[in-house]
Amino acid sequence: MYDYATGRHVNFSGTVSSTNVNVFDYEQAAHISGSPPSLFHYGNGAHLRLATQGTTFKGFDYDTGSHFTGRVNGRSVSLFDYETSTHYNYTV
């Protein structure tokens, strides 16, 4: 995944479906797994809430206590983080 905010690639691997998430975050050397909408980030030791509807998603990061929203358009992902009040863009 390419992170436009940092100008670098971020590596993840794993599987994602509507009923199961099991990915590995190489930057934090940690798994993220669960059944949406309830996920757990083992690196942060915190839950994530993620709900999807079509090409949009919204959620809550219990590590930061913040909401986020976003949209997927092909291989592009746009995310708004309410903690930082910032839009982030990625290419998968």
N, C-alpha and C. Protein backbone atom coordinates (compact mmCIF):
# COMPACT_ATOMS: atom_id res chain seq x y z
N MET A 1 0.84 -1.15 0.00
CA MET A 1 0.00 0.00 0.00
C MET A 1 0.91 1.24 0.00
N TYR A 2 0.58 2.23 -0.81
CA TYR A 2 1.35 3.47 -0.85
C TYR A 2 0.63 4.54 -0.04
N ASP A 3 1.33 5.15 0.91
CA ASP A 3 0.79 6.19 1.78
C ASP A 3 1.26 7.54 1.24
N TYR A 4 0.33 8.33 0.71
CA TYR A 4 0.69 9.62 0.11
C TYR A 4 1.14 10.62 1.16
N ALA A 5 0.67 10.53 2.39
CA ALA A 5 1.07 11.47 3.44
C ALA A 5 2.54 11.33 3.79
N THR A 6 3.04 10.10 3.80
CA THR A 6 4.45 9.87 4.15
C THR A 6 5.33 9.67 2.92
N GLY A 7 4.70 9.45 1.75
CA GLY A 7 5.45 9.25 0.52
C GLY A 7 6.20 7.94 0.49
N ARG A 8 5.63 6.90 1.10
CA ARG A 8 6.32 5.61 1.11
C ARG A 8 5.32 4.47 1.10
N HIS A 9 5.84 3.29 0.80
CA HIS A 9 5.03 2.08 0.81
C HIS A 9 4.94 1.51 2.23
N VAL A 10 3.77 1.02 2.59
CA VAL A 10 3.53 0.36 3.87
C VAL A 10 3.09 -1.06 3.53
N ASN A 11 3.72 -2.06 4.14
CA ASN A 11 3.44 -3.44 3.78
C ASN A 11 2.49 -4.13 4.75
N PHE A 12 1.49 -4.76 4.17
CA PHE A 12 0.53 -5.61 4.86
C PHE A 12 0.40 -6.88 4.04
N SER A 13 0.07 -7.98 4.69
CA SER A 13 -0.28 -9.19 3.95
C SER A 13 -1.38 -9.89 4.71
N GLY A 14 -2.12 -10.73 4.02
CA GLY A 14 -3.18 -11.48 4.67
C GLY A 14 -4.42 -11.58 3.82
N THR A 15 -5.53 -11.87 4.50
CA THR A 15 -6.80 -12.03 3.80
C THR A 15 -7.87 -11.16 4.46
N VAL A 16 -8.77 -10.67 3.60
CA VAL A 16 -9.88 -9.84 4.06
C VAL A 16 -11.12 -10.28 3.31
N SER A 17 -12.20 -10.53 4.04
CA SER A 17 -13.50 -10.83 3.43
C SER A 17 -14.56 -10.10 4.25
N SER A 18 -15.80 -10.23 3.84
CA SER A 18 -16.88 -9.55 4.57
C SER A 18 -17.10 -10.16 5.95
N THR A 19 -16.61 -11.38 6.18
CA THR A 19 -16.84 -12.05 7.46
C THR A 19 -15.57 -12.28 8.28
N ASN A 20 -14.38 -12.04 7.69
CA ASN A 20 -13.15 -12.33 8.41
C ASN A 20 -12.00 -11.45 7.93
N VAL A 21 -11.22 -10.95 8.89
CA VAL A 21 -10.01 -10.18 8.59
C VAL A 21 -8.86 -10.85 9.31
N ASN A 22 -7.78 -11.12 8.59
CA ASN A 22 -6.57 -11.67 9.19
C ASN A 22 -5.38 -11.15 8.39
N VAL A 23 -4.84 -10.01 8.84
CA VAL A 23 -3.72 -9.39 8.13
C VAL A 23 -2.56 -9.15 9.09
N PHE A 24 -1.37 -8.98 8.51
CA PHE A 24 -0.18 -8.70 9.28
C PHE A 24 0.35 -7.34 8.88
N ASP A 25 0.54 -6.46 9.84
CA ASP A 25 1.08 -5.11 9.66
C ASP A 25 2.59 -5.20 9.88
N TYR A 26 3.36 -5.14 8.79
CA TYR A 26 4.82 -5.31 8.90
C TYR A 26 5.50 -4.15 9.61
N GLU A 27 4.94 -2.95 9.49
CA GLU A 27 5.55 -1.79 10.14
C GLU A 27 5.51 -1.93 11.67
N GLN A 28 4.40 -2.44 12.19
CA GLN A 28 4.27 -2.62 13.63
C GLN A 28 4.53 -4.06 14.06
N ALA A 29 4.82 -4.92 13.08
CA ALA A 29 5.06 -6.34 13.35
C ALA A 29 3.94 -6.94 14.20
N ALA A 30 2.70 -6.72 13.72
CA ALA A 30 1.54 -7.13 14.50
C ALA A 30 0.39 -7.59 13.61
N HIS A 31 -0.40 -8.52 14.12
CA HIS A 31 -1.60 -8.98 13.43
C HIS A 31 -2.78 -8.07 13.73
N ILE A 32 -3.68 -7.99 12.75
CA ILE A 32 -4.99 -7.36 12.92
C ILE A 32 -5.97 -8.42 12.46
N SER A 33 -6.87 -8.80 13.36
CA SER A 33 -7.80 -9.86 12.98
C SER A 33 -9.13 -9.70 13.69
N GLY A 34 -10.11 -10.44 13.17
CA GLY A 34 -11.44 -10.45 13.76
C GLY A 34 -12.51 -10.60 12.71
N SER A 35 -13.73 -10.51 13.17
CA SER A 35 -14.90 -10.58 12.29
C SER A 35 -15.59 -9.23 12.30
N PRO A 36 -15.59 -8.54 11.15
CA PRO A 36 -16.21 -7.21 11.12
C PRO A 36 -17.64 -7.27 11.65
N PRO A 37 -18.01 -6.29 12.45
CA PRO A 37 -17.32 -5.01 12.62
C PRO A 37 -16.29 -4.98 13.76
N SER A 38 -16.03 -6.08 14.43
CA SER A 38 -15.12 -6.08 15.58
C SER A 38 -13.76 -6.67 15.21
N LEU A 39 -12.72 -5.82 15.24
CA LEU A 39 -11.36 -6.24 14.93
C LEU A 39 -10.46 -5.95 16.12
N PHE A 40 -9.29 -6.59 16.15
CA PHE A 40 -8.33 -6.34 17.21
C PHE A 40 -6.95 -6.16 16.61
N HIS A 41 -6.26 -5.08 17.00
CA HIS A 41 -4.90 -4.81 16.55
C HIS A 41 -3.97 -5.24 17.68
N TYR A 42 -3.25 -6.33 17.46
CA TYR A 42 -2.42 -6.90 18.51
C TYR A 42 -1.20 -6.05 18.83
N GLY A 43 -0.75 -5.21 17.90
CA GLY A 43 0.37 -4.32 18.16
C GLY A 43 0.01 -3.20 19.12
N ASN A 44 -1.19 -2.65 18.95
CA ASN A 44 -1.67 -1.59 19.82
C ASN A 44 -2.37 -2.14 21.06
N GLY A 45 -2.76 -3.42 20.98
CA GLY A 45 -3.52 -4.01 22.08
C GLY A 45 -4.89 -3.39 22.23
N ALA A 46 -5.49 -3.01 21.09
CA ALA A 46 -6.77 -2.31 21.14
C ALA A 46 -7.72 -2.80 20.04
N HIS A 47 -9.00 -2.66 20.33
CA HIS A 47 -10.04 -3.02 19.37
C HIS A 47 -10.23 -1.92 18.35
N LEU A 48 -10.72 -2.33 17.18
CA LEU A 48 -11.15 -1.43 16.12
C LEU A 48 -12.57 -1.81 15.75
N ARG A 49 -13.40 -0.84 15.50
CA ARG A 49 -14.75 -1.07 15.01
C ARG A 49 -14.75 -0.64 13.56
N LEU A 50 -15.16 -1.52 12.63
CA LEU A 50 -15.15 -1.20 11.21
C LEU A 50 -16.43 -1.69 10.57
N ALA A 51 -17.22 -0.75 10.05
CA ALA A 51 -18.46 -1.08 9.36
C ALA A 51 -18.35 -0.61 7.91
N THR A 52 -18.73 -1.47 6.97
CA THR A 52 -18.67 -1.13 5.55
C THR A 52 -20.07 -1.12 4.96
N GLN A 53 -20.25 -0.25 3.97
CA GLN A 53 -21.49 -0.22 3.21
C GLN A 53 -21.14 0.20 1.79
N GLY A 54 -21.14 -0.79 0.91
CA GLY A 54 -20.74 -0.52 -0.48
C GLY A 54 -19.28 -0.11 -0.53
N THR A 55 -19.03 1.09 -1.04
CA THR A 55 -17.66 1.57 -1.16
C THR A 55 -17.25 2.50 -0.01
N THR A 56 -18.12 2.66 0.98
CA THR A 56 -17.78 3.53 2.10
C THR A 56 -17.59 2.71 3.37
N PHE A 57 -16.87 3.29 4.31
CA PHE A 57 -16.67 2.62 5.59
C PHE A 57 -16.58 3.67 6.70
N LYS A 58 -16.83 3.23 7.90
CA LYS A 58 -16.67 4.09 9.07
C LYS A 58 -16.28 3.21 10.23
N GLY A 59 -15.66 3.82 11.22
CA GLY A 59 -15.23 3.02 12.34
C GLY A 59 -14.78 3.83 13.52
N PHE A 60 -14.29 3.11 14.52
CA PHE A 60 -13.81 3.72 15.75
C PHE A 60 -12.55 2.99 16.18
N ASP A 61 -11.51 3.75 16.48
CA ASP A 61 -10.23 3.21 16.92
C ASP A 61 -10.16 3.38 18.44
N TYR A 62 -10.26 2.27 19.16
CA TYR A 62 -10.27 2.34 20.62
C TYR A 62 -8.90 2.70 21.19
N ASP A 63 -7.84 2.55 20.41
CA ASP A 63 -6.50 2.94 20.86
C ASP A 63 -6.41 4.45 21.01
N THR A 64 -6.94 5.18 20.04
CA THR A 64 -6.88 6.63 20.06
C THR A 64 -8.17 7.28 20.56
N GLY A 65 -9.23 6.47 20.64
CA GLY A 65 -10.53 7.02 21.04
C GLY A 65 -11.14 7.90 19.97
N SER A 66 -10.86 7.58 18.69
CA SER A 66 -11.27 8.43 17.58
C SER A 66 -12.07 7.68 16.52
N HIS A 67 -12.97 8.43 15.90
CA HIS A 67 -13.73 7.91 14.76
C HIS A 67 -12.95 8.14 13.47
N PHE A 68 -13.29 7.37 12.44
CA PHE A 68 -12.74 7.57 11.10
C PHE A 68 -13.80 7.18 10.09
N THR A 69 -13.71 7.75 8.91
CA THR A 69 -14.61 7.42 7.80
C THR A 69 -13.77 7.34 6.53
N GLY A 70 -14.33 6.70 5.50
CA GLY A 70 -13.58 6.63 4.26
C GLY A 70 -14.37 6.09 3.10
N ARG A 71 -13.68 6.04 1.98
CA ARG A 71 -14.27 5.56 0.72
C ARG A 71 -13.20 4.83 -0.08
N VAL A 72 -13.62 3.78 -0.74
CA VAL A 72 -12.76 3.02 -1.63
C VAL A 72 -13.21 3.30 -3.06
N ASN A 73 -12.26 3.59 -3.93
CA ASN A 73 -12.56 3.83 -5.34
C ASN A 73 -11.52 3.07 -6.15
N GLY A 74 -11.87 1.86 -6.57
CA GLY A 74 -10.91 1.01 -7.28
C GLY A 74 -9.79 0.62 -6.34
N ARG A 75 -8.56 1.02 -6.68
CA ARG A 75 -7.40 0.71 -5.84
C ARG A 75 -7.04 1.86 -4.90
N SER A 76 -7.85 2.93 -4.91
CA SER A 76 -7.59 4.09 -4.07
C SER A 76 -8.48 4.07 -2.84
N VAL A 77 -7.90 4.48 -1.71
CA VAL A 77 -8.64 4.57 -0.45
C VAL A 77 -8.42 5.97 0.10
N SER A 78 -9.51 6.64 0.44
CA SER A 78 -9.46 7.94 1.07
C SER A 78 -10.04 7.79 2.47
N LEU A 79 -9.31 8.28 3.49
CA LEU A 79 -9.73 8.11 4.87
C LEU A 79 -9.68 9.46 5.57
N PHE A 80 -10.71 9.76 6.37
CA PHE A 80 -10.69 10.95 7.21
C PHE A 80 -10.59 10.50 8.65
N ASP A 81 -9.56 10.98 9.34
CA ASP A 81 -9.29 10.63 10.73
C ASP A 81 -9.74 11.80 11.61
N TYR A 82 -10.76 11.57 12.43
CA TYR A 82 -11.29 12.63 13.28
C TYR A 82 -10.32 13.02 14.40
N GLU A 83 -9.39 12.14 14.75
CA GLU A 83 -8.39 12.48 15.78
C GLU A 83 -7.50 13.62 15.30
N THR A 84 -7.06 13.54 14.05
CA THR A 84 -6.14 14.54 13.50
C THR A 84 -6.85 15.55 12.60
N SER A 85 -8.15 15.34 12.34
CA SER A 85 -8.92 16.18 11.41
C SER A 85 -8.22 16.27 10.05
N THR A 86 -7.72 15.13 9.58
CA THR A 86 -6.93 15.08 8.36
C THR A 86 -7.44 13.99 7.42
N HIS A 87 -7.41 14.30 6.11
CA HIS A 87 -7.68 13.29 5.09
C HIS A 87 -6.37 12.59 4.74
N TYR A 88 -6.43 11.27 4.58
CA TYR A 88 -5.29 10.47 4.18
C TYR A 88 -5.67 9.71 2.92
N ASN A 89 -4.73 9.57 1.99
CA ASN A 89 -4.98 8.87 0.73
C ASN A 89 -3.96 7.77 0.54
N TYR A 90 -4.46 6.62 0.05
CA TYR A 90 -3.64 5.45 -0.15
C TYR A 90 -3.96 4.81 -1.48
N THR A 91 -3.00 4.12 -2.05
CA THR A 91 -3.22 3.27 -3.21
C THR A 91 -2.84 1.86 -2.81
N VAL A 92 -3.73 0.93 -3.08
CA VAL A 92 -3.51 -0.47 -2.71
C VAL A 92 -3.00 -1.22 -3.91
